PDB file of all heavy atoms in Angstrom:
ATOM      1  N   GLY A   1     -17.064 -19.411 -11.459  1.00  0.00           N
ATOM      2  CA  GLY A   1     -15.702 -19.060 -11.961  1.00  0.00           C
ATOM      3  C   GLY A   1     -15.425 -17.662 -12.027  1.00  0.00           C
ATOM      4  O   GLY A   1     -15.841 -16.913 -11.070  1.00  0.00           O
ATOM      5  N   LEU A   2     -14.703 -17.172 -12.984  1.00  0.00           N
ATOM      6  CA  LEU A   2     -14.378 -15.668 -13.209  1.00  0.00           C
ATOM      7  C   LEU A   2     -13.627 -15.089 -11.918  1.00  0.00           C
ATOM      8  O   LEU A   2     -13.997 -14.011 -11.602  1.00  0.00           O
ATOM      9  CB  LEU A   2     -15.587 -14.988 -13.493  1.00  0.00           C
ATOM     10  CG  LEU A   2     -16.399 -15.333 -14.774  1.00  0.00           C
ATOM     11  CD1 LEU A   2     -17.638 -14.482 -14.941  1.00  0.00           C
ATOM     12  CD2 LEU A   2     -15.607 -15.245 -16.007  1.00  0.00           C
ATOM     13  N   SER A   3     -12.772 -15.751 -11.263  1.00  0.00           N
ATOM     14  CA  SER A   3     -12.216 -15.340 -10.059  1.00  0.00           C
ATOM     15  C   SER A   3     -11.383 -14.090 -10.310  1.00  0.00           C
ATOM     16  O   SER A   3     -11.372 -13.140  -9.614  1.00  0.00           O
ATOM     17  CB  SER A   3     -11.332 -16.373  -9.491  1.00  0.00           C
ATOM     18  OG  SER A   3     -10.346 -16.812 -10.399  1.00  0.00           O
ATOM     19  N   GLU A   4     -10.657 -14.040 -11.525  1.00  0.00           N
ATOM     20  CA  GLU A   4      -9.872 -12.854 -11.785  1.00  0.00           C
ATOM     21  C   GLU A   4     -10.752 -11.635 -12.030  1.00  0.00           C
ATOM     22  O   GLU A   4     -10.420 -10.494 -11.664  1.00  0.00           O
ATOM     23  CB  GLU A   4      -9.059 -13.167 -13.068  1.00  0.00           C
ATOM     24  CG  GLU A   4      -7.924 -14.136 -12.879  1.00  0.00           C
ATOM     25  CD  GLU A   4      -6.898 -13.614 -11.878  1.00  0.00           C
ATOM     26  OE1 GLU A   4      -6.498 -12.498 -12.022  1.00  0.00           O
ATOM     27  OE2 GLU A   4      -6.537 -14.386 -10.973  1.00  0.00           O
ATOM     28  N   ILE A   5     -11.907 -11.860 -12.701  1.00  0.00           N
ATOM     29  CA  ILE A   5     -12.915 -10.718 -13.006  1.00  0.00           C
ATOM     30  C   ILE A   5     -13.382 -10.201 -11.666  1.00  0.00           C
ATOM     31  O   ILE A   5     -13.526  -8.940 -11.446  1.00  0.00           O
ATOM     32  CB  ILE A   5     -14.028 -11.226 -13.787  1.00  0.00           C
ATOM     33  CG1 ILE A   5     -13.465 -11.862 -15.119  1.00  0.00           C
ATOM     34  CG2 ILE A   5     -15.013  -9.978 -14.255  1.00  0.00           C
ATOM     35  CD1 ILE A   5     -12.603 -11.024 -16.107  1.00  0.00           C
ATOM     36  N   LYS A   6     -13.674 -11.014 -10.717  1.00  0.00           N
ATOM     37  CA  LYS A   6     -14.236 -10.641  -9.416  1.00  0.00           C
ATOM     38  C   LYS A   6     -13.203  -9.814  -8.713  1.00  0.00           C
ATOM     39  O   LYS A   6     -13.517  -8.944  -8.060  1.00  0.00           O
ATOM     40  CB  LYS A   6     -14.738 -11.915  -8.716  1.00  0.00           C
ATOM     41  CG  LYS A   6     -15.972 -12.543  -9.261  1.00  0.00           C
ATOM     42  CD  LYS A   6     -16.238 -14.034  -8.491  1.00  0.00           C
ATOM     43  CE  LYS A   6     -17.409 -14.614  -9.283  1.00  0.00           C
ATOM     44  NZ  LYS A   6     -17.690 -15.999  -8.764  1.00  0.00           N
ATOM     45  N   SER A   7     -11.954 -10.351  -8.788  1.00  0.00           N
ATOM     46  CA  SER A   7     -10.917  -9.628  -8.041  1.00  0.00           C
ATOM     47  C   SER A   7     -10.793  -8.169  -8.731  1.00  0.00           C
ATOM     48  O   SER A   7     -10.513  -7.213  -7.964  1.00  0.00           O
ATOM     49  CB  SER A   7      -9.580 -10.363  -8.188  1.00  0.00           C
ATOM     50  OG  SER A   7      -9.631 -11.572  -7.446  1.00  0.00           O
ATOM     51  N   PHE A   8     -10.875  -8.053  -9.974  1.00  0.00           N
ATOM     52  CA  PHE A   8     -10.802  -6.799 -10.608  1.00  0.00           C
ATOM     53  C   PHE A   8     -11.871  -5.756 -10.169  1.00  0.00           C
ATOM     54  O   PHE A   8     -11.649  -4.629  -9.852  1.00  0.00           O
ATOM     55  CB  PHE A   8     -10.829  -6.952 -12.162  1.00  0.00           C
ATOM     56  CG  PHE A   8     -11.203  -5.679 -12.919  1.00  0.00           C
ATOM     57  CD1 PHE A   8     -10.192  -4.737 -12.985  1.00  0.00           C
ATOM     58  CD2 PHE A   8     -12.385  -5.442 -13.354  1.00  0.00           C
ATOM     59  CE1 PHE A   8     -10.470  -3.476 -13.698  1.00  0.00           C
ATOM     60  CE2 PHE A   8     -12.751  -4.240 -14.012  1.00  0.00           C
ATOM     61  CZ  PHE A   8     -11.794  -3.286 -14.130  1.00  0.00           C
ATOM     62  N   ILE A   9     -13.098  -6.275 -10.077  1.00  0.00           N
ATOM     63  CA  ILE A   9     -14.150  -5.323  -9.659  1.00  0.00           C
ATOM     64  C   ILE A   9     -13.870  -4.957  -8.171  1.00  0.00           C
ATOM     65  O   ILE A   9     -14.296  -3.896  -7.837  1.00  0.00           O
ATOM     66  CB  ILE A   9     -15.541  -6.199  -9.815  1.00  0.00           C
ATOM     67  CG1 ILE A   9     -15.810  -6.490 -11.230  1.00  0.00           C
ATOM     68  CG2 ILE A   9     -16.706  -5.411  -9.037  1.00  0.00           C
ATOM     69  CD1 ILE A   9     -17.090  -7.074 -11.438  1.00  0.00           C
ATOM     70  N   GLU A  10     -13.341  -5.839  -7.372  1.00  0.00           N
ATOM     71  CA  GLU A  10     -13.044  -5.502  -5.983  1.00  0.00           C
ATOM     72  C   GLU A  10     -11.911  -4.441  -6.038  1.00  0.00           C
ATOM     73  O   GLU A  10     -12.015  -3.457  -5.246  1.00  0.00           O
ATOM     74  CB  GLU A  10     -12.449  -6.697  -5.245  1.00  0.00           C
ATOM     75  CG  GLU A  10     -12.342  -6.579  -3.744  1.00  0.00           C
ATOM     76  CD  GLU A  10     -12.153  -7.815  -3.016  1.00  0.00           C
ATOM     77  OE1 GLU A  10     -12.298  -8.875  -3.703  1.00  0.00           O
ATOM     78  OE2 GLU A  10     -11.701  -7.803  -1.844  1.00  0.00           O
ATOM     79  N   GLU A  11     -10.916  -4.463  -6.961  1.00  0.00           N
ATOM     80  CA  GLU A  11      -9.859  -3.496  -7.098  1.00  0.00           C
ATOM     81  C   GLU A  11     -10.588  -2.101  -7.411  1.00  0.00           C
ATOM     82  O   GLU A  11     -10.190  -1.098  -6.875  1.00  0.00           O
ATOM     83  CB  GLU A  11      -8.957  -3.853  -8.052  1.00  0.00           C
ATOM     84  CG  GLU A  11      -7.992  -4.968  -7.786  1.00  0.00           C
ATOM     85  CD  GLU A  11      -7.157  -5.298  -8.940  1.00  0.00           C
ATOM     86  OE1 GLU A  11      -6.935  -4.456  -9.927  1.00  0.00           O
ATOM     87  OE2 GLU A  11      -6.650  -6.464  -9.068  1.00  0.00           O
ATOM     88  N   ILE A  12     -11.389  -2.109  -8.420  1.00  0.00           N
ATOM     89  CA  ILE A  12     -12.031  -0.887  -8.839  1.00  0.00           C
ATOM     90  C   ILE A  12     -12.838  -0.237  -7.694  1.00  0.00           C
ATOM     91  O   ILE A  12     -12.740   0.979  -7.458  1.00  0.00           O
ATOM     92  CB  ILE A  12     -12.973  -1.118 -10.042  1.00  0.00           C
ATOM     93  CG1 ILE A  12     -12.165  -1.526 -11.379  1.00  0.00           C
ATOM     94  CG2 ILE A  12     -13.924   0.041 -10.321  1.00  0.00           C
ATOM     95  CD1 ILE A  12     -11.307  -0.292 -11.867  1.00  0.00           C
ATOM     96  N   TYR A  13     -13.629  -1.069  -7.042  1.00  0.00           N
ATOM     97  CA  TYR A  13     -14.363  -0.488  -5.825  1.00  0.00           C
ATOM     98  C   TYR A  13     -13.424   0.103  -4.846  1.00  0.00           C
ATOM     99  O   TYR A  13     -13.650   1.223  -4.402  1.00  0.00           O
ATOM    100  CB  TYR A  13     -15.175  -1.637  -5.253  1.00  0.00           C
ATOM    101  CG  TYR A  13     -15.833  -1.157  -3.918  1.00  0.00           C
ATOM    102  CD1 TYR A  13     -17.032  -0.448  -3.969  1.00  0.00           C
ATOM    103  CD2 TYR A  13     -15.302  -1.448  -2.715  1.00  0.00           C
ATOM    104  CE1 TYR A  13     -17.570   0.063  -2.763  1.00  0.00           C
ATOM    105  CE2 TYR A  13     -15.785  -0.991  -1.573  1.00  0.00           C
ATOM    106  CZ  TYR A  13     -16.997  -0.225  -1.550  1.00  0.00           C
ATOM    107  OH  TYR A  13     -17.539   0.239  -0.409  1.00  0.00           O
ATOM    108  N   ALA A  14     -12.354  -0.604  -4.486  1.00  0.00           N
ATOM    109  CA  ALA A  14     -11.426  -0.073  -3.512  1.00  0.00           C
ATOM    110  C   ALA A  14     -10.872   1.221  -3.875  1.00  0.00           C
ATOM    111  O   ALA A  14     -10.774   2.141  -3.224  1.00  0.00           O
ATOM    112  CB  ALA A  14     -10.302  -1.026  -3.222  1.00  0.00           C
ATOM    113  N   TRP A  15     -10.417   1.303  -5.151  1.00  0.00           N
ATOM    114  CA  TRP A  15      -9.795   2.506  -5.663  1.00  0.00           C
ATOM    115  C   TRP A  15     -10.879   3.671  -5.611  1.00  0.00           C
ATOM    116  O   TRP A  15     -10.421   4.784  -5.178  1.00  0.00           O
ATOM    117  CB  TRP A  15      -9.325   2.272  -7.090  1.00  0.00           C
ATOM    118  CG  TRP A  15      -8.986   3.605  -7.867  1.00  0.00           C
ATOM    119  CD1 TRP A  15      -7.914   4.416  -7.612  1.00  0.00           C
ATOM    120  CD2 TRP A  15      -9.716   4.222  -8.999  1.00  0.00           C
ATOM    121  NE1 TRP A  15      -7.929   5.500  -8.409  1.00  0.00           N
ATOM    122  CE2 TRP A  15      -9.001   5.361  -9.287  1.00  0.00           C
ATOM    123  CE3 TRP A  15     -10.838   3.868  -9.698  1.00  0.00           C
ATOM    124  CZ2 TRP A  15      -9.338   6.207 -10.320  1.00  0.00           C
ATOM    125  CZ3 TRP A  15     -11.286   4.727 -10.719  1.00  0.00           C
ATOM    126  CH2 TRP A  15     -10.538   5.836 -10.957  1.00  0.00           C
ATOM    127  N   LEU A  16     -12.063   3.519  -6.009  1.00  0.00           N
ATOM    128  CA  LEU A  16     -13.113   4.566  -6.078  1.00  0.00           C
ATOM    129  C   LEU A  16     -13.347   5.058  -4.561  1.00  0.00           C
ATOM    130  O   LEU A  16     -13.540   6.172  -4.268  1.00  0.00           O
ATOM    131  CB  LEU A  16     -14.355   4.057  -6.684  1.00  0.00           C
ATOM    132  CG  LEU A  16     -14.334   3.879  -8.257  1.00  0.00           C
ATOM    133  CD1 LEU A  16     -15.564   3.083  -8.687  1.00  0.00           C
ATOM    134  CD2 LEU A  16     -14.062   5.158  -8.905  1.00  0.00           C
ATOM    135  N   GLU A  17     -13.489   3.956  -3.588  1.00  0.00           N
ATOM    136  CA  GLU A  17     -13.761   4.315  -2.298  1.00  0.00           C
ATOM    137  C   GLU A  17     -12.666   5.089  -1.547  1.00  0.00           C
ATOM    138  O   GLU A  17     -12.927   6.061  -0.935  1.00  0.00           O
ATOM    139  CB  GLU A  17     -13.996   2.961  -1.558  1.00  0.00           C
ATOM    140  CG  GLU A  17     -14.435   3.089  -0.064  1.00  0.00           C
ATOM    141  CD  GLU A  17     -15.813   3.788   0.038  1.00  0.00           C
ATOM    142  OE1 GLU A  17     -16.619   3.820  -1.001  1.00  0.00           O
ATOM    143  OE2 GLU A  17     -16.237   4.232   1.207  1.00  0.00           O
ATOM    144  N   VAL A  18     -11.454   4.714  -1.868  1.00  0.00           N
ATOM    145  CA  VAL A  18     -10.305   5.392  -1.243  1.00  0.00           C
ATOM    146  C   VAL A  18     -10.219   6.754  -1.898  1.00  0.00           C
ATOM    147  O   VAL A  18      -9.847   7.739  -1.204  1.00  0.00           O
ATOM    148  CB  VAL A  18      -9.068   4.527  -1.396  1.00  0.00           C
ATOM    149  CG1 VAL A  18      -7.782   5.351  -1.021  1.00  0.00           C
ATOM    150  CG2 VAL A  18      -9.108   3.244  -0.660  1.00  0.00           C
ATOM    151  N   GLY A  19     -10.500   6.878  -3.105  1.00  0.00           N
ATOM    152  CA  GLY A  19     -10.475   8.195  -3.821  1.00  0.00           C
ATOM    153  C   GLY A  19     -11.414   9.187  -3.132  1.00  0.00           C
ATOM    154  O   GLY A  19     -11.150  10.301  -2.991  1.00  0.00           O
ATOM    155  N   LYS A  20     -12.551   8.675  -2.768  1.00  0.00           N
ATOM    156  CA  LYS A  20     -13.512   9.583  -2.021  1.00  0.00           C
ATOM    157  C   LYS A  20     -12.860  10.071  -0.662  1.00  0.00           C
ATOM    158  O   LYS A  20     -12.979  11.221  -0.358  1.00  0.00           O
ATOM    159  CB  LYS A  20     -14.820   8.866  -1.656  1.00  0.00           C
ATOM    160  CG  LYS A  20     -15.758   8.595  -2.907  1.00  0.00           C
ATOM    161  CD  LYS A  20     -16.959   7.843  -2.410  1.00  0.00           C
ATOM    162  CE  LYS A  20     -17.969   7.575  -3.557  1.00  0.00           C
ATOM    163  NZ  LYS A  20     -19.148   6.870  -3.098  1.00  0.00           N
ATOM    164  N   LYS A  21     -12.330   9.091   0.107  1.00  0.00           N
ATOM    165  CA  LYS A  21     -11.653   9.477   1.327  1.00  0.00           C
ATOM    166  C   LYS A  21     -10.575  10.372   1.138  1.00  0.00           C
ATOM    167  O   LYS A  21     -10.259  11.291   1.945  1.00  0.00           O
ATOM    168  CB  LYS A  21     -11.336   8.194   2.111  1.00  0.00           C
ATOM    169  CG  LYS A  21     -12.467   7.214   2.377  1.00  0.00           C
ATOM    170  CD  LYS A  21     -12.137   6.002   3.208  1.00  0.00           C
ATOM    171  CE  LYS A  21     -13.288   5.081   3.345  1.00  0.00           C
ATOM    172  NZ  LYS A  21     -14.297   5.612   4.242  1.00  0.00           N
ATOM    173  N   ARG A  22      -9.747  10.201   0.155  1.00  0.00           N
ATOM    174  CA  ARG A  22      -8.564  11.079  -0.037  1.00  0.00           C
ATOM    175  C   ARG A  22      -9.045  12.509  -0.388  1.00  0.00           C
ATOM    176  O   ARG A  22      -8.450  13.526   0.043  1.00  0.00           O
ATOM    177  CB  ARG A  22      -7.749  10.598  -1.362  1.00  0.00           C
ATOM    178  CG  ARG A  22      -6.932   9.389  -0.993  1.00  0.00           C
ATOM    179  CD  ARG A  22      -6.158   8.840  -2.167  1.00  0.00           C
ATOM    180  NE  ARG A  22      -5.228   9.934  -2.729  1.00  0.00           N
ATOM    181  CZ  ARG A  22      -3.990  10.138  -2.285  1.00  0.00           C
ATOM    182  NH1 ARG A  22      -3.484   9.309  -1.283  1.00  0.00           N
ATOM    183  NH2 ARG A  22      -3.301  11.110  -2.800  1.00  0.00           N
ATOM    184  N   ARG A  23     -10.174  12.587  -1.144  1.00  0.00           N
ATOM    185  CA  ARG A  23     -10.650  13.933  -1.412  1.00  0.00           C
ATOM    186  C   ARG A  23     -11.242  14.699  -0.182  1.00  0.00           C
ATOM    187  O   ARG A  23     -10.975  15.834   0.082  1.00  0.00           O
ATOM    188  CB  ARG A  23     -11.887  13.894  -2.473  1.00  0.00           C
ATOM    189  CG  ARG A  23     -11.372  13.616  -3.858  1.00  0.00           C
ATOM    190  CD  ARG A  23     -12.489  13.907  -4.920  1.00  0.00           C
ATOM    191  NE  ARG A  23     -13.481  12.934  -4.733  1.00  0.00           N
ATOM    192  CZ  ARG A  23     -13.539  11.626  -5.306  1.00  0.00           C
ATOM    193  NH1 ARG A  23     -12.494  11.330  -6.119  1.00  0.00           N
ATOM    194  NH2 ARG A  23     -14.583  10.833  -5.160  1.00  0.00           N
ATOM    195  N   ASN A  24     -11.923  13.830   0.701  1.00  0.00           N
ATOM    196  CA  ASN A  24     -12.310  14.327   1.925  1.00  0.00           C
ATOM    197  C   ASN A  24     -11.202  14.773   2.959  1.00  0.00           C
ATOM    198  O   ASN A  24     -11.307  15.667   3.740  1.00  0.00           O
ATOM    199  CB  ASN A  24     -13.214  13.320   2.677  1.00  0.00           C
ATOM    200  CG  ASN A  24     -14.455  13.160   1.920  1.00  0.00           C
ATOM    201  OD1 ASN A  24     -14.978  14.015   1.226  1.00  0.00           O
ATOM    202  ND2 ASN A  24     -15.122  11.903   2.168  1.00  0.00           N
ATOM    203  N   ALA A  25     -10.038  14.106   2.704  1.00  0.00           N
ATOM    204  CA  ALA A  25      -8.817  14.474   3.502  1.00  0.00           C
ATOM    205  C   ALA A  25      -8.035  15.561   2.844  1.00  0.00           C
ATOM    206  O   ALA A  25      -6.992  15.910   3.378  1.00  0.00           O
ATOM    207  CB  ALA A  25      -8.035  13.185   3.733  1.00  0.00           C
ATOM    208  N   GLY A  26      -8.546  16.049   1.708  1.00  0.00           N
ATOM    209  CA  GLY A  26      -7.748  17.212   1.076  1.00  0.00           C
ATOM    210  C   GLY A  26      -6.553  16.620   0.295  1.00  0.00           C
ATOM    211  O   GLY A  26      -5.641  17.436  -0.070  1.00  0.00           O
ATOM    212  N   LEU A  27      -6.542  15.378  -0.117  1.00  0.00           N
ATOM    213  CA  LEU A  27      -5.493  14.753  -0.813  1.00  0.00           C
ATOM    214  C   LEU A  27      -5.847  14.738  -2.334  1.00  0.00           C
ATOM    215  O   LEU A  27      -7.024  14.720  -2.672  1.00  0.00           O
ATOM    216  CB  LEU A  27      -5.126  13.390  -0.298  1.00  0.00           C
ATOM    217  CG  LEU A  27      -4.631  13.309   1.103  1.00  0.00           C
ATOM    218  CD1 LEU A  27      -4.534  11.830   1.535  1.00  0.00           C
ATOM    219  CD2 LEU A  27      -3.339  13.933   1.284  1.00  0.00           C
TER     220      LEU A  27
END
């Protein structure tokens, strides 16, 4: 179960990963 929790963890990962790429792009 815990489908909503799993989706949340995916969101957090995506936000952190994109944050790294934004910093590398000077954003």
